[in-house]
Amino acid sequence: MNGTFNWIVGLQFHTASGRSVRHFYLVHEATDRKRACEAALRRASTPGEYMARGGQPLDNSFSEVRMIATDPIGLVSYSD
């Protein structure tokens, strides 16, 4: 398929009280699912993101990845 691809990657962490929370990252620069996850993890590992999570570590057992494809005429589709 010709066109452009973006990715939405959800990463989970647990608050100090134990509640599960997901932060989602829009990744433009990745060419596949693996690279999208790597880019999101790099962003999530920055000091600012760590502070936004209240200093809580990521739950590395969870990620949610969706590809957003835009075809040459601008139609958008989503996939897991």
N, C-alpha and C. Protein backbone atom coordinates (compact mmCIF):
# COMPACT_ATOMS: atom_id res chain seq x y z
N MET A 1 0.84 -1.19 0.00
CA MET A 1 0.00 0.00 0.00
C MET A 1 0.88 1.24 0.00
N ASN A 2 0.65 2.13 -0.93
CA ASN A 2 1.37 3.39 -0.95
C ASN A 2 0.64 4.37 -0.05
N GLY A 3 1.36 5.28 0.53
CA GLY A 3 0.78 6.26 1.44
C GLY A 3 1.68 6.43 2.64
N THR A 4 1.12 6.95 3.72
CA THR A 4 1.91 7.18 4.92
C THR A 4 1.37 6.33 6.07
N PHE A 5 2.24 6.07 7.03
CA PHE A 5 1.88 5.27 8.20
C PHE A 5 2.26 6.03 9.46
N ASN A 6 1.39 6.01 10.41
CA ASN A 6 1.66 6.49 11.76
C ASN A 6 1.25 5.38 12.71
N TRP A 7 1.72 5.46 13.90
CA TRP A 7 1.44 4.43 14.90
C TRP A 7 0.99 5.09 16.20
N ILE A 8 0.05 4.46 16.86
CA ILE A 8 -0.32 4.84 18.22
C ILE A 8 0.11 3.68 19.11
N VAL A 9 0.96 4.00 20.08
CA VAL A 9 1.49 2.96 20.98
C VAL A 9 1.07 3.32 22.40
N GLY A 10 0.35 2.42 23.04
CA GLY A 10 -0.07 2.60 24.42
C GLY A 10 0.84 1.82 25.35
N LEU A 11 1.36 2.49 26.36
CA LEU A 11 2.21 1.86 27.36
C LEU A 11 1.55 2.03 28.72
N GLN A 12 1.61 1.01 29.52
CA GLN A 12 0.91 0.98 30.80
C GLN A 12 1.86 1.13 31.97
N PHE A 13 1.36 1.76 33.02
CA PHE A 13 2.06 1.79 34.30
C PHE A 13 1.01 1.74 35.40
N HIS A 14 1.44 1.58 36.62
CA HIS A 14 0.53 1.52 37.76
C HIS A 14 0.83 2.68 38.70
N THR A 15 -0.22 3.36 39.12
CA THR A 15 -0.04 4.47 40.06
C THR A 15 0.40 3.93 41.41
N ALA A 16 0.77 4.84 42.30
CA ALA A 16 1.19 4.43 43.65
C ALA A 16 0.07 3.69 44.37
N SER A 17 -1.18 4.00 44.00
CA SER A 17 -2.31 3.30 44.64
C SER A 17 -2.68 2.00 43.92
N GLY A 18 -1.95 1.67 42.83
CA GLY A 18 -2.17 0.40 42.14
C GLY A 18 -3.07 0.46 40.93
N ARG A 19 -3.59 1.64 40.60
CA ARG A 19 -4.48 1.77 39.44
C ARG A 19 -3.67 1.69 38.14
N SER A 20 -4.19 0.95 37.16
CA SER A 20 -3.54 0.86 35.84
C SER A 20 -3.87 2.09 35.01
N VAL A 21 -2.85 2.67 34.41
CA VAL A 21 -3.01 3.85 33.56
C VAL A 21 -2.20 3.61 32.29
N ARG A 22 -2.73 4.08 31.16
CA ARG A 22 -2.01 3.96 29.89
C ARG A 22 -1.71 5.35 29.34
N HIS A 23 -0.50 5.53 28.91
CA HIS A 23 -0.12 6.72 28.16
C HIS A 23 0.05 6.29 26.71
N PHE A 24 -0.45 7.10 25.80
CA PHE A 24 -0.38 6.78 24.38
C PHE A 24 0.56 7.74 23.67
N TYR A 25 1.33 7.19 22.76
CA TYR A 25 2.33 7.97 22.02
C TYR A 25 2.04 7.83 20.53
N LEU A 26 1.98 8.96 19.84
CA LEU A 26 1.82 8.98 18.39
C LEU A 26 3.22 8.99 17.79
N VAL A 27 3.51 7.96 17.00
CA VAL A 27 4.86 7.79 16.42
C VAL A 27 4.76 7.95 14.91
N HIS A 28 5.47 8.93 14.38
CA HIS A 28 5.46 9.20 12.94
C HIS A 28 6.63 8.51 12.22
N GLU A 29 7.74 8.37 12.90
CA GLU A 29 8.99 8.02 12.24
C GLU A 29 9.23 6.53 12.03
N ALA A 30 8.35 5.68 12.51
CA ALA A 30 8.59 4.23 12.46
C ALA A 30 8.08 3.62 11.16
N THR A 31 8.80 2.62 10.69
CA THR A 31 8.41 1.91 9.46
C THR A 31 7.70 0.60 9.74
N ASP A 32 7.72 0.13 11.00
CA ASP A 32 7.02 -1.09 11.35
C ASP A 32 6.67 -1.09 12.84
N ARG A 33 5.91 -2.09 13.26
CA ARG A 33 5.42 -2.20 14.63
C ARG A 33 6.55 -2.21 15.66
N LYS A 34 7.59 -2.97 15.40
CA LYS A 34 8.70 -3.08 16.34
C LYS A 34 9.37 -1.72 16.55
N ARG A 35 9.63 -1.02 15.47
CA ARG A 35 10.28 0.29 15.57
C ARG A 35 9.37 1.32 16.24
N ALA A 36 8.05 1.19 16.02
CA ALA A 36 7.11 2.08 16.68
C ALA A 36 7.17 1.89 18.20
N CYS A 37 7.20 0.64 18.64
CA CYS A 37 7.31 0.35 20.07
C CYS A 37 8.61 0.88 20.65
N GLU A 38 9.70 0.69 19.92
CA GLU A 38 11.00 1.18 20.39
C GLU A 38 10.99 2.70 20.53
N ALA A 39 10.41 3.40 19.55
CA ALA A 39 10.35 4.86 19.60
C ALA A 39 9.49 5.33 20.79
N ALA A 40 8.36 4.67 21.01
CA ALA A 40 7.50 5.03 22.13
C ALA A 40 8.21 4.78 23.46
N LEU A 41 8.92 3.68 23.56
CA LEU A 41 9.67 3.40 24.79
C LEU A 41 10.76 4.42 25.04
N ARG A 42 11.42 4.87 23.98
CA ARG A 42 12.44 5.91 24.14
C ARG A 42 11.80 7.18 24.70
N ARG A 43 10.67 7.56 24.14
CA ARG A 43 9.97 8.76 24.63
C ARG A 43 9.53 8.58 26.08
N ALA A 44 8.96 7.41 26.38
CA ALA A 44 8.46 7.15 27.72
C ALA A 44 9.58 7.11 28.76
N SER A 45 10.80 6.90 28.30
CA SER A 45 11.95 6.80 29.21
C SER A 45 12.60 8.14 29.51
N THR A 46 12.10 9.22 28.92
CA THR A 46 12.68 10.53 29.19
C THR A 46 12.33 10.98 30.61
N PRO A 47 13.16 11.84 31.19
CA PRO A 47 12.88 12.31 32.55
C PRO A 47 11.50 12.97 32.69
N GLY A 48 11.09 13.73 31.68
CA GLY A 48 9.79 14.40 31.75
C GLY A 48 8.63 13.41 31.80
N GLU A 49 8.72 12.35 31.02
CA GLU A 49 7.66 11.34 31.01
C GLU A 49 7.67 10.55 32.32
N TYR A 50 8.86 10.28 32.83
CA TYR A 50 8.96 9.58 34.12
C TYR A 50 8.28 10.41 35.21
N MET A 51 8.51 11.71 35.19
CA MET A 51 7.88 12.59 36.18
C MET A 51 6.36 12.66 35.95
N ALA A 52 5.93 12.64 34.69
CA ALA A 52 4.49 12.66 34.39
C ALA A 52 3.79 11.42 34.93
N ARG A 53 4.53 10.32 35.06
CA ARG A 53 3.98 9.10 35.65
C ARG A 53 4.10 9.09 37.16
N GLY A 54 4.52 10.20 37.74
CA GLY A 54 4.69 10.25 39.20
C GLY A 54 5.85 9.40 39.66
N GLY A 55 6.84 9.20 38.79
CA GLY A 55 8.00 8.40 39.14
C GLY A 55 7.76 6.90 39.09
N GLN A 56 6.64 6.50 38.53
CA GLN A 56 6.31 5.07 38.46
C GLN A 56 6.93 4.44 37.22
N PRO A 57 7.45 3.21 37.33
CA PRO A 57 8.03 2.52 36.17
C PRO A 57 6.94 2.01 35.24
N LEU A 58 7.31 1.78 34.00
CA LEU A 58 6.39 1.19 33.03
C LEU A 58 6.17 -0.28 33.34
N ASP A 59 5.00 -0.76 33.00
CA ASP A 59 4.68 -2.18 33.07
C ASP A 59 5.11 -2.77 31.72
N ASN A 60 6.27 -3.38 31.68
CA ASN A 60 6.83 -3.88 30.41
C ASN A 60 6.09 -5.08 29.84
N SER A 61 5.11 -5.59 30.58
CA SER A 61 4.37 -6.74 30.07
C SER A 61 3.20 -6.31 29.19
N PHE A 62 2.98 -5.00 29.05
CA PHE A 62 1.83 -4.53 28.28
C PHE A 62 2.22 -3.47 27.27
N SER A 63 1.69 -3.60 26.06
CA SER A 63 1.72 -2.51 25.09
C SER A 63 0.56 -2.74 24.13
N GLU A 64 0.05 -1.65 23.61
CA GLU A 64 -1.02 -1.70 22.62
C GLU A 64 -0.54 -0.90 21.43
N VAL A 65 -0.58 -1.51 20.25
CA VAL A 65 -0.05 -0.85 19.06
C VAL A 65 -1.11 -0.85 17.97
N ARG A 66 -1.35 0.31 17.40
CA ARG A 66 -2.28 0.44 16.27
C ARG A 66 -1.59 1.19 15.15
N MET A 67 -1.76 0.69 13.94
CA MET A 67 -1.22 1.38 12.78
C MET A 67 -2.32 2.25 12.17
N ILE A 68 -1.96 3.46 11.83
CA ILE A 68 -2.87 4.37 11.14
C ILE A 68 -2.28 4.59 9.76
N ALA A 69 -2.99 4.16 8.75
CA ALA A 69 -2.50 4.30 7.37
C ALA A 69 -3.35 5.33 6.63
N THR A 70 -2.69 6.17 5.87
CA THR A 70 -3.38 7.13 5.01
C THR A 70 -2.98 6.82 3.59
N ASP A 71 -3.96 6.52 2.74
CA ASP A 71 -3.64 6.18 1.35
C ASP A 71 -3.40 7.46 0.54
N PRO A 72 -2.95 7.33 -0.70
CA PRO A 72 -2.59 8.51 -1.49
C PRO A 72 -3.73 9.52 -1.69
N ILE A 73 -4.99 9.09 -1.57
CA ILE A 73 -6.08 10.05 -1.74
C ILE A 73 -6.62 10.54 -0.40
N GLY A 74 -5.95 10.16 0.70
CA GLY A 74 -6.29 10.69 2.00
C GLY A 74 -7.23 9.86 2.86
N LEU A 75 -7.61 8.67 2.39
CA LEU A 75 -8.46 7.81 3.21
C LEU A 75 -7.63 7.18 4.32
N VAL A 76 -8.21 7.18 5.52
CA VAL A 76 -7.50 6.69 6.70
C VAL A 76 -8.08 5.34 7.11
N SER A 77 -7.18 4.40 7.46
CA SER A 77 -7.61 3.13 8.00
C SER A 77 -6.76 2.80 9.22
N TYR A 78 -7.33 1.98 10.11
CA TYR A 78 -6.67 1.59 11.35
C TYR A 78 -6.54 0.09 11.40
N SER A 79 -5.49 -0.39 12.02
CA SER A 79 -5.36 -1.84 12.21
C SER A 79 -4.57 -2.13 13.46
N ASP A 80 -4.77 -3.31 14.00
CA ASP A 80 -4.03 -3.78 15.19
C ASP A 80 -2.66 -4.22 14.80
